[in-house]
Structure formats: C-alpha cells, structure tokens
Amino acid sequence: MKAEEFDARFDRGEDITETLDVSKAHRPGEEQRRVNVDFPTWMIASLDREARRLGITRQSIIKVWIAERLEQQRGTAA
C-alpha cells in the first residue's frame, strides 16, 4: 500500500491496524538498558519492606521512585 492510500484510509477513520507491523514498533527513548547499582544492605531491606507492602517488586519500586524524582526535578528546572 502506498503512503497516500494509507493516509487516506486513516483520514477516513478506517481501521488501518491490519496494515501495520507492530512487531517492530517501539517508543523512542523507551528502550530498556540494564544498569547495576550497589546499595547498602539496610537500603535493600527498606526497599524490600516497602515493595512487599505495596505488592510490587524491588525493581518496580526503584523505577517508580526514580521516575517520580526525575519528574519532580523536571518541574523545578522549568
């Protein structure tokens, strides 16, 4: 399908999802990269307690807290 036909179908509100190869889709800047961070044991114990309380993994709580802090910093930097 040519781009003009794709655009026209989209503009008419037709379902174009069958024409897309979503197996290769990604969000720019959202790719995962592994990092290693060393924490003191008391900090790991505190993270684990809070993660258990919230019913999530240690990794999840670390990601959420870092994301919250970065968002907060972005708001104060503006």
Protein backbone atom coordinates (compact mmCIF):
# COMPACT_ATOMS: atom_id res chain seq x y z
CA MET A 1 0.00 0.00 0.00
CA LYS A 2 1.31 3.43 -0.89
CA ALA A 3 1.57 6.18 1.70
CA GLU A 4 -1.18 8.22 0.03
CA GLU A 5 -3.66 5.34 0.31
CA PHE A 6 -2.61 4.68 3.92
CA ASP A 7 -3.13 8.36 4.79
CA ALA A 8 -6.49 8.47 3.03
CA ARG A 9 -7.75 5.38 4.86
CA PHE A 10 -6.56 6.83 8.17
CA ASP A 11 -8.20 10.20 7.43
CA ARG A 12 -11.50 8.42 6.64
CA GLY A 13 -11.34 6.79 10.06
CA GLU A 14 -10.84 3.29 8.69
CA ASP A 15 -9.13 0.63 10.76
CA ILE A 16 -5.54 0.54 9.46
CA THR A 17 -4.10 -1.72 12.15
CA GLU A 18 -4.05 -4.77 9.88
CA THR A 19 -1.58 -2.93 7.64
CA LEU A 20 0.89 -2.24 10.44
CA ASP A 21 3.77 -4.50 11.51
CA VAL A 22 3.66 -3.84 15.25
CA SER A 23 6.32 -6.46 15.98
CA LYS A 24 8.94 -3.83 15.19
CA ALA A 25 7.16 -0.92 16.85
CA HIS A 26 8.87 0.92 19.69
CA ARG A 27 8.64 4.21 21.50
CA PRO A 28 11.70 6.40 21.05
CA GLY A 29 13.55 6.89 24.30
CA GLU A 30 11.71 3.99 25.96
CA GLU A 31 14.22 1.26 25.13
CA GLN A 32 15.44 -0.68 28.14
CA ARG A 33 19.06 -0.63 29.25
CA ARG A 34 20.46 -2.62 32.13
CA VAL A 35 22.43 -0.83 34.84
CA ASN A 36 24.00 -2.18 38.00
CA VAL A 37 23.74 -0.23 41.23
CA ASP A 38 25.20 -1.23 44.58
CA PHE A 39 23.06 -0.44 47.62
CA PRO A 40 23.89 -0.89 51.31
CA THR A 41 22.06 -3.81 52.92
CA TRP A 42 19.91 -1.55 55.12
CA MET A 43 18.63 0.19 51.99
CA ILE A 44 17.80 -3.10 50.27
CA ALA A 45 15.93 -4.25 53.37
CA SER A 46 13.92 -1.00 53.41
CA LEU A 47 13.18 -1.27 49.69
CA ASP A 48 12.04 -4.87 50.12
CA ARG A 49 9.75 -3.97 53.03
CA GLU A 50 8.12 -1.15 51.08
CA ALA A 51 7.84 -3.26 47.92
CA ARG A 52 6.14 -6.06 49.89
CA ARG A 53 3.76 -3.54 51.47
CA LEU A 54 2.79 -2.26 48.02
CA GLY A 55 2.73 -5.72 46.46
CA ILE A 56 5.33 -4.95 43.82
CA THR A 57 8.92 -5.97 43.11
CA ARG A 58 12.03 -4.23 44.37
CA GLN A 59 12.91 -3.28 40.80
CA SER A 60 9.48 -1.72 40.29
CA ILE A 61 9.68 0.44 43.39
CA ILE A 62 13.16 1.65 42.43
CA LYS A 63 11.94 2.55 38.94
CA VAL A 64 8.85 4.33 40.23
CA TRP A 65 10.72 6.33 42.84
CA ILE A 66 13.46 7.37 40.43
CA ALA A 67 10.87 8.32 37.81
CA GLU A 68 8.96 10.40 40.39
CA ARG A 69 12.12 12.20 41.42
CA LEU A 70 13.18 12.91 37.84
CA GLU A 71 9.70 14.23 37.05
CA GLN A 72 9.87 16.42 40.15
CA GLN A 73 13.28 17.74 39.10
CA ARG A 74 11.98 18.46 35.60
CA GLY A 75 9.16 20.51 37.12
CA THR A 76 11.50 22.61 39.25
CA ALA A 77 14.01 23.13 36.44
CA ALA A 78 11.45 24.85 34.21
